[in-house]
Amino acid sequence: MASKTIIPDQDALKRVGAQVRARLEANPEAYKIPTDKAEIFAIGDFLDADECKRLITMIDQVARPSELFDDDAYATGFRTSYSGDFDPEDSFIRSISRRIDDLLGVNPITGETIQGQRYLPGQQFKPHNDWFYTSETYWQLERKRGGQRCWTTMAFLNEVEEGGETHFTEVGIKIDPKPGVLLVWNNALPDGSPNEDTMHAGTPVIRGVKYVITKWYRTRKWN
């Protein structure tokens, strides 16, 4: 009899997935994207115009060439945006973070620091998953820093003249940037295994500039 493949954090991913799923499905302001391949929700007007403007200014202050865990993403063209982490002790950032925590109904200690991202014309983030590949060397560090990523939240801060959609390549949908909209998706399947169909890309900006913020959640306390 073949042995069962062990998936790190599977039980936690299953538990948190069910918890957040139930909360979002009960929220009349959360629109569920119609697909059987992934659990993706959109919340309109999560951020108001003044909040978006303030976050854009803060992104410009912290932005630097984006990085990945084990690759020079900027030099290779895989991820050519600029990004930066906000100060989690900043009162404004803390208030935004708490609202996202409350929306999902998760323990705040599992949330990573909110990151801001800026895409200039021609910049992009090629198709990728947000969950960690546990066969890679970086997993040994991330396992200790809070474990696997369960849910992703990403808010659009401005309209883009052309391009810059969020493309869920396996689901087959492209979502145009709309100021204040928060996207939320489960990086795992209901059974707690990583969902390959959450593959997504930030398509190249053709005209204008794109600003977003992202907050990821782990299965345990994030360090």
Protein backbone atom coordinates (compact mmCIF):
# COMPACT_ATOMS: atom_id res chain seq x y z
CA MET A 1 0.00 0.00 0.00
CA ALA A 2 1.45 3.36 -1.05
CA SER A 3 2.21 5.80 1.74
CA LYS A 4 0.22 9.02 1.89
CA THR A 5 2.06 12.14 0.78
CA ILE A 6 2.57 14.49 3.69
CA ILE A 7 1.64 18.10 2.93
CA PRO A 8 3.10 20.56 5.45
CA ASP A 9 0.45 22.58 7.31
CA GLN A 10 -2.39 20.78 5.51
CA ASP A 11 -4.65 20.55 8.57
CA ALA A 12 -4.15 24.23 9.35
CA LEU A 13 -4.78 25.23 5.74
CA LYS A 14 -7.98 23.20 5.73
CA ARG A 15 -9.17 24.70 9.03
CA VAL A 16 -8.37 28.34 8.18
CA GLY A 17 -9.76 27.87 4.69
CA ALA A 18 -13.11 26.73 6.04
CA GLN A 19 -13.20 29.51 8.63
CA VAL A 20 -12.53 32.35 6.18
CA ARG A 21 -14.70 30.83 3.46
CA ALA A 22 -17.71 30.75 5.76
CA ARG A 23 -17.14 34.34 6.88
CA LEU A 24 -16.81 35.72 3.35
CA GLU A 25 -19.74 33.75 1.98
CA ALA A 26 -21.90 35.22 4.76
CA ASN A 27 -20.76 38.77 3.94
CA PRO A 28 -23.19 40.47 1.51
CA GLU A 29 -20.43 42.87 0.42
CA ALA A 30 -18.14 40.03 -0.72
CA TYR A 31 -18.70 38.97 -4.33
CA LYS A 32 -17.51 35.45 -5.12
CA ILE A 33 -15.94 35.04 -8.55
CA PRO A 34 -17.93 32.31 -10.37
CA THR A 35 -15.41 29.51 -10.83
CA ASP A 36 -14.91 26.01 -9.46
CA LYS A 37 -11.13 26.24 -9.76
CA ALA A 38 -10.35 28.65 -6.95
CA GLU A 39 -11.96 30.59 -4.11
CA ILE A 40 -11.68 34.24 -5.15
CA PHE A 41 -13.70 37.09 -3.64
CA ALA A 42 -13.93 40.81 -4.41
CA ILE A 43 -15.03 43.54 -2.01
CA GLY A 44 -15.85 46.87 -3.64
CA ASP A 45 -15.04 50.21 -1.99
CA PHE A 46 -13.01 48.57 0.75
CA LEU A 47 -10.74 51.64 0.68
CA ASP A 48 -11.99 55.17 0.04
CA ALA A 49 -10.36 57.70 -2.29
CA ASP A 50 -8.41 59.49 0.44
CA GLU A 51 -7.03 56.22 1.79
CA CYS A 52 -5.95 55.16 -1.69
CA LYS A 53 -4.21 58.49 -2.28
CA ARG A 54 -2.39 58.30 1.05
CA LEU A 55 -1.25 54.72 0.40
CA ILE A 56 0.07 55.70 -3.05
CA THR A 57 2.19 58.43 -1.47
CA MET A 58 3.51 55.94 1.09
CA ILE A 59 4.38 53.41 -1.62
CA ASP A 60 6.46 56.02 -3.45
CA GLN A 61 8.43 56.51 -0.23
CA VAL A 62 9.28 52.82 0.33
CA ALA A 63 9.41 51.43 -3.23
CA ARG A 64 12.52 49.54 -4.34
CA PRO A 65 13.10 46.85 -7.01
CA SER A 66 10.97 43.83 -6.11
CA GLU A 67 12.58 40.57 -5.02
CA LEU A 68 11.67 36.90 -4.78
CA PHE A 69 12.98 34.29 -2.38
CA ASP A 70 15.61 32.55 -4.47
CA ASP A 71 15.92 34.49 -7.69
CA ASP A 72 17.01 37.88 -8.99
CA ALA A 73 13.47 38.54 -10.20
CA TYR A 74 14.06 42.11 -11.29
CA ALA A 75 17.12 41.37 -13.40
CA THR A 76 15.54 38.35 -15.09
CA GLY A 77 12.32 40.18 -15.89
CA PHE A 78 10.08 37.83 -13.90
CA ARG A 79 9.02 40.54 -11.47
CA THR A 80 9.91 44.05 -12.55
CA SER A 81 7.72 46.11 -10.23
CA TYR A 82 8.88 48.20 -7.29
CA SER A 83 7.70 47.27 -3.81
CA GLY A 84 8.26 47.91 -0.14
CA ASP A 85 6.94 46.94 3.29
CA PHE A 86 5.09 49.51 5.35
CA ASP A 87 5.87 50.21 9.00
CA PRO A 88 3.40 47.94 10.85
CA GLU A 89 3.45 50.34 13.82
CA ASP A 90 2.24 53.27 11.71
CA SER A 91 -1.26 54.07 13.02
CA PHE A 92 -2.78 54.43 9.54
CA ILE A 93 -1.29 51.16 8.30
CA ARG A 94 -2.35 49.44 11.50
CA SER A 95 -5.95 50.56 10.97
CA ILE A 96 -5.99 49.22 7.39
CA SER A 97 -4.42 45.97 8.53
CA ARG A 98 -7.01 45.50 11.27
CA ARG A 99 -9.85 46.00 8.82
CA ILE A 100 -8.48 43.26 6.59
CA ASP A 101 -8.02 40.99 9.62
CA ASP A 102 -11.63 41.62 10.65
CA LEU A 103 -12.93 41.00 7.14
CA LEU A 104 -11.34 37.54 7.08
CA GLY A 105 -11.92 36.84 10.76
CA VAL A 106 -8.39 35.53 11.25
CA ASN A 107 -5.97 35.90 14.14
CA PRO A 108 -4.01 39.14 13.46
CA ILE A 109 -0.71 37.53 14.51
CA THR A 110 -0.78 35.36 11.36
CA GLY A 111 -0.77 38.35 8.99
CA GLU A 112 2.40 39.50 7.26
CA THR A 113 3.33 43.17 7.06
CA ILE A 114 1.36 45.00 4.36
CA GLN A 115 3.44 45.50 1.22
CA GLY A 116 2.94 48.25 -1.35
CA GLN A 117 3.72 47.70 -5.03
CA ARG A 118 4.15 50.07 -7.98
CA TYR A 119 4.21 49.14 -11.67
CA LEU A 120 5.45 51.61 -14.27
CA PRO A 121 4.87 51.18 -18.04
CA GLY A 122 6.30 47.84 -19.17
CA GLN A 123 6.60 46.43 -15.65
CA GLN A 124 4.90 43.18 -14.69
CA PHE A 125 4.84 40.13 -12.43
CA LYS A 126 4.75 36.96 -14.50
CA PRO A 127 2.47 34.01 -13.55
CA HIS A 128 3.20 32.71 -10.04
CA ASN A 129 1.60 31.22 -6.96
CA ASP A 130 1.71 32.89 -3.55
CA TRP A 131 2.11 29.69 -1.56
CA PHE A 132 5.57 28.35 -0.77
CA TYR A 133 7.09 25.40 -2.60
CA THR A 134 8.08 23.22 0.33
CA SER A 135 10.73 21.38 -1.71
CA GLU A 136 12.75 24.61 -2.06
CA THR A 137 15.48 25.58 0.37
CA TYR A 138 13.70 28.77 1.46
CA TRP A 139 10.90 26.70 2.98
CA GLN A 140 13.04 25.77 5.99
CA LEU A 141 13.16 29.44 6.94
CA GLU A 142 9.54 30.21 6.05
CA ARG A 143 8.33 27.17 7.99
CA LYS A 144 9.83 28.76 11.12
CA ARG A 145 8.57 32.25 10.24
CA GLY A 146 4.90 31.27 10.25
CA GLY A 147 4.44 28.34 7.91
CA GLN A 148 2.53 28.17 4.66
CA ARG A 149 0.60 31.09 3.19
CA CYS A 150 -3.13 30.45 3.34
CA TRP A 151 -4.99 33.55 2.13
CA THR A 152 -3.92 36.51 -0.01
CA THR A 153 -5.52 39.96 0.06
CA MET A 154 -4.72 42.64 -2.54
CA ALA A 155 -6.25 46.09 -2.97
CA PHE A 156 -6.13 48.26 -6.08
CA LEU A 157 -5.39 51.91 -5.39
CA ASN A 158 -5.81 53.63 -8.75
CA GLU A 159 -7.11 53.28 -12.29
CA VAL A 160 -4.56 52.32 -14.95
CA GLU A 161 -4.86 53.85 -18.41
CA GLU A 162 -4.09 50.55 -20.13
CA GLY A 163 -2.87 47.12 -18.99
CA GLY A 164 -2.01 46.07 -15.45
CA GLU A 165 -4.80 43.54 -15.00
CA THR A 166 -4.58 40.75 -12.43
CA HIS A 167 -4.76 37.62 -14.58
CA PHE A 168 -5.70 34.31 -12.97
CA THR A 169 -4.24 32.24 -15.77
CA GLU A 170 -5.75 28.86 -14.89
CA VAL A 171 -9.17 30.24 -14.01
CA GLY A 172 -9.16 32.29 -17.19
CA ILE A 173 -10.16 35.70 -15.84
CA LYS A 174 -8.56 39.13 -15.92
CA ILE A 175 -9.52 41.70 -13.30
CA ASP A 176 -9.04 45.36 -14.17
CA PRO A 177 -7.60 47.64 -11.50
CA LYS A 178 -10.41 49.58 -9.82
CA PRO A 179 -9.57 51.94 -6.95
CA GLY A 180 -10.61 50.67 -3.53
CA VAL A 181 -11.45 47.10 -4.58
CA LEU A 182 -9.98 44.36 -2.40
CA LEU A 183 -9.36 40.92 -3.90
CA VAL A 184 -9.18 37.95 -1.53
CA TRP A 185 -8.27 34.39 -2.47
CA ASN A 186 -7.52 31.07 -0.83
CA ASN A 187 -4.15 29.67 -1.87
CA ALA A 188 -5.26 26.15 -0.88
CA LEU A 189 -7.98 23.72 -1.85
CA PRO A 190 -10.72 22.83 0.67
CA ASP A 191 -8.70 19.76 1.70
CA GLY A 192 -5.71 21.95 2.62
CA SER A 193 -3.46 21.08 -0.31
CA PRO A 194 -1.93 23.90 -2.39
CA ASN A 195 -4.20 25.04 -5.22
CA GLU A 196 -2.26 25.14 -8.50
CA ASP A 197 -5.15 27.02 -10.09
CA THR A 198 -4.40 30.16 -8.05
CA MET A 199 -1.61 30.90 -10.53
CA HIS A 200 -1.85 34.61 -11.30
CA ALA A 201 0.06 37.41 -12.96
CA GLY A 202 0.27 41.17 -12.86
CA THR A 203 0.07 41.84 -16.60
CA PRO A 204 2.38 44.53 -18.05
CA VAL A 205 1.26 48.11 -17.61
CA ILE A 206 0.99 49.66 -21.06
CA ARG A 207 0.03 53.22 -20.15
CA GLY A 208 -0.08 54.84 -16.74
CA VAL A 209 1.10 53.56 -13.34
CA LYS A 210 -0.41 50.81 -11.19
CA TYR A 211 -0.43 50.87 -7.38
CA VAL A 212 -1.59 48.02 -5.12
CA ILE A 213 -1.16 46.82 -1.57
CA THR A 214 -0.90 43.17 -0.58
CA LYS A 215 -1.21 41.34 2.71
CA TRP A 216 -0.58 37.60 3.02
CA TYR A 217 -1.62 35.35 5.88
CA ARG A 218 0.21 32.34 7.32
CA THR A 219 -1.01 29.24 9.13
CA ARG A 220 0.79 30.24 12.34
CA LYS A 221 2.20 33.37 13.99
CA TRP A 222 4.24 35.33 11.49
CA ASN A 223 7.71 36.44 12.56
